[in-house]
Amino acid sequence: MAVLTAPIAPLAPALPQAAGPSRNLQRSGTLWQLGIEAQELTTAIGQVAEQLETDDDDSRAQALTELEAALLSEEGNKQALAAKADATCWVIEHLRGQAAYRQQQVKRLTELSRYDATRADALVESLVFVLTQLQPTANRFSFPNHELTSRKSQAVEIDDEDSMPSQWVTLKTTSQPDKTAIKEALKAGHLIPPGAQLVLRRSFLLWGQHHQPPFGSVRCLSRRCPSRSDPEHPF
């Protein structure tokens, strides 16, 4: 497991592949060395993030614990904490961008799949039309490498559902808690059983340099986030 250890300076938004395990890093003071240290730290955080791609809750918890411990270890060093937090943000930015790209690819591939399926259905319909015109009584067609088979079924088609008499209509109802009314009642001090409660939440937006659009938001429950009386950030 990668070790997150060194204070570093900001780096370019890329996730370089590490040639070996993460090393204990010492600042040399040169911009070139700081850039190398920044890349190594970002790579180490990226390796921790890779361990989150698992269905094993224990493994995910262990990876998160390691990352949080690495950040908390710099509590007395604002510069080092800012560097590690910034490196974490680079990883988040990279993952958000990768997720957005993959979502675009899913949309593109879904459309291509729909086009392919539509064309295939049209070809089947055309082939069946021709074959049944030539052999109206046939219910099976055999070819050198394929076979078309058919089966009979029954289905009800309704031209105008709104005009159906009530005895032929099934009513479907749904219900859900009125959270707006419950929220107002709870704020007024009323007890709403069973188990309704107000939960303090805070959403964080991650922004890039030069006020770029946010790279996604994180909504935290109050037990995981600082209270409103805490400082906005420690830097």
Protein backbone atom coordinates (compact mmCIF):
# COMPACT_ATOMS: atom_id res chain seq x y z
CA MET A 1 0.00 0.00 0.00
CA ALA A 2 1.36 3.43 -0.91
CA VAL A 3 2.68 5.68 1.87
CA LEU A 4 1.67 9.35 1.79
CA THR A 5 4.46 11.24 3.46
CA ALA A 6 5.87 14.39 1.99
CA PRO A 7 4.87 18.09 1.81
CA ILE A 8 4.96 19.18 -1.82
CA ALA A 9 3.97 21.96 -4.19
CA PRO A 10 1.04 21.96 -6.69
CA LEU A 11 1.49 20.04 -9.91
CA ALA A 12 -0.04 19.70 -13.33
CA PRO A 13 -3.37 17.81 -13.50
CA ALA A 14 -2.04 14.41 -14.48
CA LEU A 15 -1.67 11.03 -12.81
CA PRO A 16 1.80 9.70 -13.72
CA GLN A 17 2.46 6.02 -13.31
CA ALA A 18 4.93 5.29 -10.56
CA ALA A 19 7.87 3.07 -11.50
CA GLY A 20 8.07 1.67 -7.98
CA PRO A 21 6.67 2.05 -4.47
CA SER A 22 6.31 5.50 -2.95
CA ARG A 23 9.40 6.85 -1.14
CA ASN A 24 9.74 9.14 1.85
CA LEU A 25 10.03 12.57 0.26
CA GLN A 26 12.19 15.49 1.34
CA ARG A 27 11.88 18.97 -0.11
CA SER A 28 15.00 20.02 -1.96
CA GLY A 29 13.81 23.54 -2.68
CA THR A 30 14.22 23.38 -6.47
CA LEU A 31 11.14 23.69 -8.68
CA TRP A 32 12.16 20.57 -10.61
CA GLN A 33 12.45 18.49 -7.45
CA LEU A 34 9.20 19.88 -6.07
CA GLY A 35 7.45 18.85 -9.28
CA ILE A 36 8.83 15.31 -8.97
CA GLU A 37 7.72 15.13 -5.34
CA ALA A 38 4.28 16.41 -6.28
CA GLN A 39 3.89 13.74 -8.95
CA GLU A 40 4.99 10.98 -6.56
CA LEU A 41 2.52 12.08 -3.90
CA THR A 42 -0.33 12.36 -6.39
CA THR A 43 0.53 8.89 -7.70
CA ALA A 44 0.48 7.51 -4.14
CA ILE A 45 -2.96 9.02 -3.52
CA GLY A 46 -4.13 7.61 -6.86
CA GLN A 47 -2.99 4.16 -5.77
CA VAL A 48 -5.03 4.49 -2.58
CA ALA A 49 -8.02 5.58 -4.68
CA GLU A 50 -7.69 2.43 -6.81
CA GLN A 51 -8.32 0.36 -3.68
CA LEU A 52 -11.77 1.95 -3.43
CA GLU A 53 -12.85 0.02 -6.56
CA THR A 54 -13.95 -2.98 -4.53
CA ASP A 55 -17.12 -4.42 -3.05
CA ASP A 56 -15.20 -5.34 0.09
CA ASP A 57 -16.27 -2.85 2.76
CA ASP A 58 -13.22 -3.63 4.91
CA SER A 59 -10.81 -2.87 2.07
CA ARG A 60 -12.58 0.39 1.28
CA ALA A 61 -12.57 1.41 4.93
CA GLN A 62 -8.86 0.60 5.22
CA ALA A 63 -8.01 2.71 2.17
CA LEU A 64 -10.05 5.66 3.43
CA THR A 65 -8.52 5.33 6.88
CA GLU A 66 -5.02 5.45 5.39
CA LEU A 67 -5.81 8.56 3.36
CA GLU A 68 -7.46 10.32 6.28
CA ALA A 69 -4.56 9.40 8.59
CA ALA A 70 -2.07 10.81 6.07
CA LEU A 71 -3.96 14.11 6.03
CA LEU A 72 -4.44 14.24 9.80
CA SER A 73 -0.73 13.60 10.34
CA GLU A 74 -0.04 17.08 8.98
CA GLU A 75 -2.36 18.83 11.44
CA GLY A 76 0.46 21.04 12.73
CA ASN A 77 1.99 21.75 9.31
CA LYS A 78 -0.36 23.90 7.24
CA GLN A 79 1.89 23.88 4.18
CA ALA A 80 2.21 20.11 4.13
CA LEU A 81 -1.51 19.64 4.77
CA ALA A 82 -2.38 22.03 1.95
CA ALA A 83 -0.02 20.15 -0.37
CA LYS A 84 -1.53 16.76 0.42
CA ALA A 85 -5.07 18.12 0.16
CA ASP A 86 -4.24 19.72 -3.19
CA ALA A 87 -2.74 16.46 -4.48
CA THR A 88 -5.93 14.69 -3.39
CA CYS A 89 -7.95 17.27 -5.32
CA TRP A 90 -5.88 16.56 -8.45
CA VAL A 91 -6.83 12.89 -8.13
CA ILE A 92 -10.49 13.83 -7.62
CA GLU A 93 -10.39 16.13 -10.65
CA HIS A 94 -8.86 13.36 -12.76
CA LEU A 95 -11.48 10.83 -11.64
CA ARG A 96 -14.35 13.27 -12.27
CA GLY A 97 -13.06 13.96 -15.75
CA GLN A 98 -12.64 10.27 -16.45
CA ALA A 99 -16.16 9.56 -15.20
CA ALA A 100 -17.61 12.31 -17.42
CA TYR A 101 -15.74 10.94 -20.45
CA ARG A 102 -16.98 7.41 -19.78
CA GLN A 103 -20.55 8.66 -19.38
CA GLN A 104 -20.26 10.29 -22.81
CA GLN A 105 -18.97 7.03 -24.23
CA VAL A 106 -21.85 5.12 -22.64
CA LYS A 107 -24.32 7.53 -24.26
CA ARG A 108 -22.60 7.23 -27.64
CA LEU A 109 -22.44 3.43 -27.47
CA THR A 110 -26.06 3.23 -26.31
CA GLU A 111 -27.15 5.23 -29.34
CA LEU A 112 -25.06 3.06 -31.65
CA SER A 113 -26.55 -0.06 -30.05
CA ARG A 114 -30.06 1.29 -30.60
CA TYR A 115 -29.30 2.05 -34.25
CA ASP A 116 -27.88 -1.45 -34.78
CA ALA A 117 -30.88 -3.09 -33.12
CA THR A 118 -33.30 -1.00 -35.18
CA ARG A 119 -31.60 -1.96 -38.43
CA ALA A 120 -31.52 -5.62 -37.42
CA ASP A 121 -35.25 -5.57 -36.61
CA ALA A 122 -36.01 -3.92 -39.92
CA LEU A 123 -34.06 -6.61 -41.79
CA VAL A 124 -35.86 -9.37 -39.89
CA GLU A 125 -39.24 -7.83 -40.66
CA SER A 126 -38.37 -7.48 -44.34
CA LEU A 127 -37.04 -11.04 -44.57
CA VAL A 128 -40.10 -12.51 -42.84
CA PHE A 129 -42.41 -10.49 -45.10
CA VAL A 130 -40.79 -11.86 -48.25
CA LEU A 131 -40.62 -15.46 -47.01
CA THR A 132 -44.24 -15.53 -45.80
CA GLN A 133 -45.37 -14.07 -49.11
CA LEU A 134 -43.65 -16.93 -50.92
CA GLN A 135 -44.74 -19.63 -48.43
CA PRO A 136 -47.84 -18.37 -46.56
CA THR A 137 -48.42 -21.60 -44.61
CA ALA A 138 -44.86 -22.09 -43.40
CA ASN A 139 -43.99 -21.44 -39.77
CA ARG A 140 -40.31 -22.34 -40.00
CA PHE A 141 -37.61 -21.44 -42.50
CA SER A 142 -34.27 -23.22 -42.65
CA PHE A 143 -31.11 -21.89 -44.31
CA PRO A 144 -27.56 -23.24 -44.55
CA ASN A 145 -26.43 -21.58 -41.31
CA HIS A 146 -29.57 -20.07 -39.75
CA GLU A 147 -33.18 -20.86 -39.02
CA LEU A 148 -36.28 -18.71 -38.57
CA THR A 149 -38.95 -20.12 -36.27
CA SER A 150 -42.29 -18.73 -35.16
CA ARG A 151 -44.73 -19.22 -32.33
CA LYS A 152 -48.29 -18.13 -31.75
CA SER A 153 -49.32 -15.84 -28.92
CA GLN A 154 -52.23 -13.63 -27.94
CA ALA A 155 -52.13 -10.00 -26.84
CA VAL A 156 -54.76 -7.37 -26.13
CA GLU A 157 -54.53 -4.14 -28.10
CA ILE A 158 -56.51 -1.11 -26.93
CA ASP A 159 -57.04 1.85 -29.23
CA ASP A 160 -58.21 4.36 -26.60
CA GLU A 161 -57.41 3.50 -22.96
CA ASP A 162 -59.12 6.64 -21.63
CA SER A 163 -62.50 5.52 -22.97
CA MET A 164 -62.47 2.13 -21.25
CA PRO A 165 -65.36 1.52 -18.79
CA SER A 166 -64.38 1.48 -15.12
CA GLN A 167 -64.95 -2.26 -14.70
CA TRP A 168 -62.11 -2.88 -17.16
CA VAL A 169 -59.69 -0.47 -15.51
CA THR A 170 -57.27 -1.24 -12.68
CA LEU A 171 -56.35 1.69 -10.46
CA LYS A 172 -52.75 2.00 -9.27
CA THR A 173 -51.90 4.27 -6.36
CA THR A 174 -48.56 5.21 -4.83
CA SER A 175 -47.71 6.89 -1.55
CA GLN A 176 -44.61 8.46 -0.05
CA PRO A 177 -43.81 10.59 2.98
CA ASP A 178 -44.42 14.33 2.57
CA LYS A 179 -40.89 15.41 3.45
CA THR A 180 -41.67 19.10 3.01
CA ALA A 181 -44.46 19.01 5.59
CA ILE A 182 -42.43 16.74 7.88
CA LYS A 183 -39.46 19.12 7.73
CA GLU A 184 -41.59 22.11 8.69
CA ALA A 185 -43.17 20.14 11.54
CA LEU A 186 -39.79 19.02 12.88
CA LYS A 187 -38.45 22.58 12.69
CA ALA A 188 -41.48 23.67 14.70
CA GLY A 189 -40.57 21.16 17.40
CA HIS A 190 -43.12 18.47 16.66
CA LEU A 191 -42.25 14.78 17.03
CA ILE A 192 -42.97 12.81 13.88
CA PRO A 193 -42.90 9.03 14.41
CA PRO A 194 -41.47 6.69 13.43
CA GLY A 195 -37.88 7.85 13.23
CA ALA A 196 -38.22 11.09 11.25
CA GLN A 197 -35.42 13.51 12.11
CA LEU A 198 -33.62 16.52 10.70
CA VAL A 199 -30.07 15.72 9.59
CA LEU A 200 -27.55 18.52 9.14
CA ARG A 201 -25.82 18.24 5.78
CA ARG A 202 -23.20 20.35 4.08
CA SER A 203 -22.27 20.19 0.41
CA PHE A 204 -18.74 20.94 -0.77
CA LEU A 205 -17.90 21.98 -4.35
CA LEU A 206 -14.45 21.23 -5.72
CA TRP A 207 -13.15 24.01 -7.98
CA GLY A 208 -10.08 23.98 -10.19
CA GLN A 209 -7.55 26.74 -10.66
CA HIS A 210 -8.70 30.11 -12.05
CA HIS A 211 -12.28 29.44 -10.87
CA GLN A 212 -12.96 26.68 -13.35
CA PRO A 213 -16.38 25.02 -13.13
CA PRO A 214 -16.70 22.73 -10.11
CA PHE A 215 -15.68 19.12 -10.61
CA GLY A 216 -18.63 17.71 -8.68
CA SER A 217 -20.01 18.11 -5.19
CA VAL A 218 -19.79 16.07 -2.02
CA ARG A 219 -22.65 16.02 0.46
CA CYS A 220 -21.68 15.02 3.96
CA LEU A 221 -23.72 14.00 6.95
CA SER A 222 -23.10 16.02 10.07
CA ARG A 223 -21.23 13.16 11.75
CA ARG A 224 -18.56 13.28 9.03
CA CYS A 225 -18.34 17.02 8.45
CA PRO A 226 -17.26 19.90 10.70
CA SER A 227 -19.97 21.90 12.39
CA ARG A 228 -20.82 25.43 11.28
CA SER A 229 -18.79 26.79 14.18
CA ASP A 230 -15.59 25.26 12.82
CA PRO A 231 -13.27 27.23 10.52
CA GLU A 232 -14.00 26.89 6.81
CA HIS A 233 -10.49 25.56 6.20
CA PRO A 234 -7.27 25.27 8.19
CA PHE A 235 -4.99 26.95 5.66
